[in-house]
Amino acid sequence: MITNIGSDCAVQHAQESDDQLLFEAKSGDQQAFAELCLRYRGMLLHRIYRIVRHREDAEDVLQDTLLSAYQHLGSFRGACRFSSRVIKIGINKSLMFLRRCRSLAETTPDVFMDDGQSLETREFRYPGPNPEQCYLMRQNRQKLTHAISRLSPQLRSLWELYYKEELRLKDAANVMGISEATAKSRILRARGKLRRSLKKNEFWTP
């Protein structure tokens, strides 16, 4: 009988909206929160894995993320969807995890020989960007690509000729059938539009 009741409750929760489940979870209904976690666990794990690049580490970060979301249920004010909020927590937890890993990797312990003398160890660092930097760079590229796609066809075509195809401004202007002065003016206008778009989305880096 208890099993049937639990099953009925699970079906009922599965039919409720995220907002309703969130309200019930904030009221102390742990089953409602469990249903929210179940709905977005796969998507959240995939997003975390893309950052940490290790399955077991991703599982650990996922558990930390869900625990943090549960502990801060009271701060969910409905300004954004639960899925957006928990993904943001997951990304922050993933980046914090990478910082801790990098900090540990950069700390080389002293090695002592049998006579008590310290043996000097040499630290080797990979000269390229770390995983956190790679992730942020990828995010910025995606935001820039999206912003470019929202330019007018004329501005977008000129932008791609000048920056993507790496044509000289004069040659790009000839392809577009406009003067070089007009092309320069349009490039400046496109830059201004992209700058405003990226600033609006907090992804602008001078």
Protein backbone atom coordinates (compact mmCIF):
# COMPACT_ATOMS: atom_id res chain seq x y z
CA MET A 1 0.00 0.00 0.00
CA ILE A 2 2.84 2.40 0.85
CA THR A 3 4.49 1.59 -2.45
CA ASN A 4 1.33 2.46 -4.33
CA ILE A 5 1.02 5.78 -2.50
CA GLY A 6 4.64 6.61 -3.30
CA SER A 7 4.07 5.70 -6.93
CA ASP A 8 0.96 7.87 -7.08
CA CYS A 9 2.87 10.79 -5.56
CA ALA A 10 5.68 10.37 -8.08
CA VAL A 11 3.22 10.42 -10.98
CA GLN A 12 1.50 13.47 -9.55
CA HIS A 13 4.81 15.33 -9.15
CA ALA A 14 5.86 14.36 -12.68
CA GLN A 15 2.77 16.11 -14.05
CA GLU A 16 3.37 19.37 -12.19
CA SER A 17 5.17 22.41 -13.57
CA ASP A 18 8.64 23.42 -12.44
CA ASP A 19 7.23 26.47 -10.65
CA GLN A 20 4.76 24.34 -8.71
CA LEU A 21 7.44 21.81 -7.80
CA LEU A 22 9.74 24.61 -6.69
CA PHE A 23 7.02 26.07 -4.49
CA GLU A 24 6.40 22.69 -2.90
CA ALA A 25 10.13 22.03 -2.46
CA LYS A 26 10.56 25.37 -0.70
CA SER A 27 7.70 24.30 1.58
CA GLY A 28 9.66 21.23 2.61
CA ASP A 29 8.48 18.64 0.07
CA GLN A 30 11.65 16.67 -0.64
CA GLN A 31 9.89 14.53 -3.25
CA ALA A 32 9.13 17.66 -5.26
CA PHE A 33 12.79 18.66 -5.20
CA ALA A 34 13.80 15.12 -6.18
CA GLU A 35 11.50 15.38 -9.21
CA LEU A 36 13.11 18.68 -10.22
CA CYS A 37 16.56 17.07 -9.96
CA LEU A 38 15.40 14.09 -11.99
CA ARG A 39 14.11 16.35 -14.77
CA TYR A 40 17.39 18.19 -15.26
CA ARG A 41 20.01 15.75 -14.00
CA GLY A 42 21.00 14.53 -17.47
CA MET A 43 21.27 17.98 -19.00
CA LEU A 44 23.16 19.28 -15.97
CA LEU A 45 25.60 16.36 -15.94
CA HIS A 46 26.29 16.85 -19.64
CA ARG A 47 27.02 20.56 -19.11
CA ILE A 48 29.32 19.84 -16.16
CA TYR A 49 31.15 17.08 -18.03
CA ARG A 50 31.89 19.46 -20.91
CA ILE A 51 33.80 21.60 -18.42
CA VAL A 52 35.61 19.13 -16.14
CA ARG A 53 36.14 16.43 -18.83
CA HIS A 54 36.09 13.52 -16.39
CA ARG A 55 33.09 11.33 -15.67
CA GLU A 56 33.67 10.68 -11.97
CA ASP A 57 34.60 14.32 -11.33
CA ALA A 58 31.45 15.40 -13.18
CA GLU A 59 29.34 13.15 -10.94
CA ASP A 60 30.96 14.67 -7.84
CA VAL A 61 30.36 18.22 -9.09
CA LEU A 62 26.77 17.28 -9.95
CA GLN A 63 26.09 16.11 -6.39
CA ASP A 64 27.71 19.26 -5.02
CA THR A 65 25.54 21.34 -7.37
CA LEU A 66 22.28 19.67 -6.35
CA LEU A 67 23.19 19.94 -2.67
CA SER A 68 23.92 23.65 -3.09
CA ALA A 69 20.64 24.15 -4.95
CA TYR A 70 18.75 22.42 -2.13
CA GLN A 71 20.53 24.44 0.57
CA HIS A 72 19.69 27.70 -1.20
CA LEU A 73 16.09 26.98 -2.13
CA GLY A 74 15.02 29.98 -0.11
CA SER A 75 16.94 32.33 -2.42
CA PHE A 76 15.05 31.17 -5.53
CA ARG A 77 12.84 34.20 -6.20
CA GLY A 78 11.41 33.17 -9.55
CA ALA A 79 13.46 35.72 -11.51
CA CYS A 80 14.58 32.90 -13.80
CA ARG A 81 13.64 29.28 -14.45
CA PHE A 82 14.86 26.59 -12.06
CA SER A 83 16.78 24.93 -14.88
CA SER A 84 18.67 28.14 -15.66
CA ARG A 85 19.48 28.70 -12.01
CA VAL A 86 20.73 25.17 -11.35
CA ILE A 87 22.82 25.19 -14.55
CA LYS A 88 24.43 28.43 -13.44
CA ILE A 89 25.25 26.83 -10.09
CA GLY A 90 26.68 23.80 -11.93
CA ILE A 91 28.91 25.96 -14.10
CA ASN A 92 30.19 27.89 -11.08
CA LYS A 93 30.86 24.66 -9.18
CA SER A 94 32.68 23.22 -12.22
CA LEU A 95 34.91 26.26 -12.56
CA MET A 96 35.65 26.21 -8.83
CA PHE A 97 36.59 22.53 -9.16
CA LEU A 98 39.02 23.34 -11.99
CA ARG A 99 40.57 26.12 -9.93
CA ARG A 100 41.14 23.74 -7.03
CA CYS A 101 42.69 21.16 -9.35
CA ARG A 102 44.99 23.74 -10.89
CA SER A 103 45.98 25.01 -7.45
CA LEU A 104 46.90 21.48 -6.36
CA ALA A 105 48.82 20.85 -9.58
CA GLU A 106 50.83 24.04 -9.14
CA THR A 107 51.78 23.15 -5.56
CA THR A 108 54.78 20.82 -5.64
CA PRO A 109 55.56 19.24 -2.25
CA ASP A 110 59.12 18.92 -1.00
CA VAL A 111 60.67 15.50 -1.40
CA PHE A 112 63.09 14.37 1.31
CA MET A 113 65.85 11.81 0.88
CA ASP A 114 66.87 9.21 3.47
CA ASP A 115 69.50 11.55 4.94
CA GLY A 116 66.89 14.24 5.58
CA GLN A 117 68.12 16.50 2.80
CA SER A 118 65.50 18.15 0.65
CA LEU A 119 65.54 17.19 -3.00
CA GLU A 120 64.73 20.06 -5.32
CA THR A 121 61.88 19.28 -7.69
CA ARG A 122 61.23 21.07 -10.94
CA GLU A 123 57.70 22.03 -11.89
CA PHE A 124 56.54 21.74 -15.49
CA ARG A 125 53.48 23.62 -16.65
CA TYR A 126 51.56 23.24 -19.84
CA PRO A 127 52.03 26.55 -21.69
CA GLY A 128 48.56 26.54 -23.28
CA PRO A 129 45.26 27.68 -21.75
CA ASN A 130 43.88 25.64 -18.88
CA PRO A 131 40.46 23.92 -19.10
CA GLU A 132 38.68 26.81 -17.42
CA GLN A 133 40.15 29.30 -19.90
CA CYS A 134 39.26 27.01 -22.82
CA TYR A 135 35.67 26.83 -21.61
CA LEU A 136 35.36 30.61 -21.23
CA MET A 137 36.94 31.15 -24.66
CA ARG A 138 34.47 28.71 -26.21
CA GLN A 139 31.56 30.46 -24.51
CA ASN A 140 32.76 33.85 -25.78
CA ARG A 141 33.09 32.52 -29.33
CA GLN A 142 29.54 31.16 -29.19
CA LYS A 143 28.19 34.49 -27.93
CA LEU A 144 30.11 36.39 -30.63
CA THR A 145 28.84 34.06 -33.36
CA HIS A 146 25.28 34.56 -32.14
CA ALA A 147 25.71 38.34 -32.06
CA ILE A 148 27.14 38.35 -35.62
CA SER A 149 24.18 36.31 -36.87
CA ARG A 150 21.88 39.10 -35.66
CA LEU A 151 23.57 41.76 -37.78
CA SER A 152 21.84 42.94 -40.93
CA PRO A 153 22.74 40.94 -44.08
CA GLN A 154 24.87 43.81 -45.44
CA LEU A 155 26.85 44.25 -42.24
CA ARG A 156 27.20 40.51 -41.70
CA SER A 157 28.46 39.87 -45.25
CA LEU A 158 31.02 42.65 -45.02
CA TRP A 159 32.12 41.49 -41.57
CA GLU A 160 32.70 37.96 -42.78
CA LEU A 161 34.65 39.12 -45.85
CA TYR A 162 36.86 41.40 -43.78
CA TYR A 163 37.43 39.26 -40.68
CA LYS A 164 36.63 35.66 -41.63
CA GLU A 165 37.96 35.69 -45.22
CA GLU A 166 40.66 38.20 -44.20
CA LEU A 167 40.23 40.35 -47.28
CA ARG A 168 41.63 43.85 -47.32
CA LEU A 169 38.98 46.47 -46.69
CA LYS A 170 39.36 47.77 -50.23
CA ASP A 171 38.88 44.28 -51.71
CA ALA A 172 35.91 43.56 -49.46
CA ALA A 173 34.35 46.84 -50.57
CA ASN A 174 34.82 45.86 -54.23
CA VAL A 175 33.10 42.51 -53.62
CA MET A 176 30.18 44.31 -51.97
CA GLY A 177 30.04 46.94 -54.73
CA ILE A 178 30.55 49.85 -52.33
CA SER A 179 33.26 52.43 -51.73
CA GLU A 180 36.06 51.81 -49.28
CA ALA A 181 34.81 54.71 -47.12
CA THR A 182 31.35 53.14 -46.96
CA ALA A 183 32.87 49.78 -46.07
CA LYS A 184 34.89 51.37 -43.26
CA SER A 185 31.77 53.08 -41.94
CA ARG A 186 29.83 49.80 -41.96
CA ILE A 187 32.62 47.93 -40.17
CA LEU A 188 32.62 50.57 -37.44
CA ARG A 189 28.84 50.32 -37.22
CA ALA A 190 29.02 46.52 -36.97
CA ARG A 191 31.64 46.77 -34.21
CA GLY A 192 29.40 49.12 -32.26
CA LYS A 193 26.40 46.80 -32.58
CA LEU A 194 28.43 43.76 -31.50
CA ARG A 195 29.96 45.65 -28.59
CA ARG A 196 26.54 46.71 -27.31
CA SER A 197 25.13 43.21 -27.78
CA LEU A 198 27.99 41.54 -25.91
CA LYS A 199 27.95 44.12 -23.12
CA LYS A 200 24.23 43.53 -22.71
CA ASN A 201 24.92 39.83 -22.22
CA GLU A 202 27.95 40.50 -19.97
CA PHE A 203 30.33 38.78 -22.35
CA TRP A 204 32.31 41.80 -23.55
CA THR A 205 36.05 41.74 -22.93
CA PRO A 206 37.83 44.97 -24.00
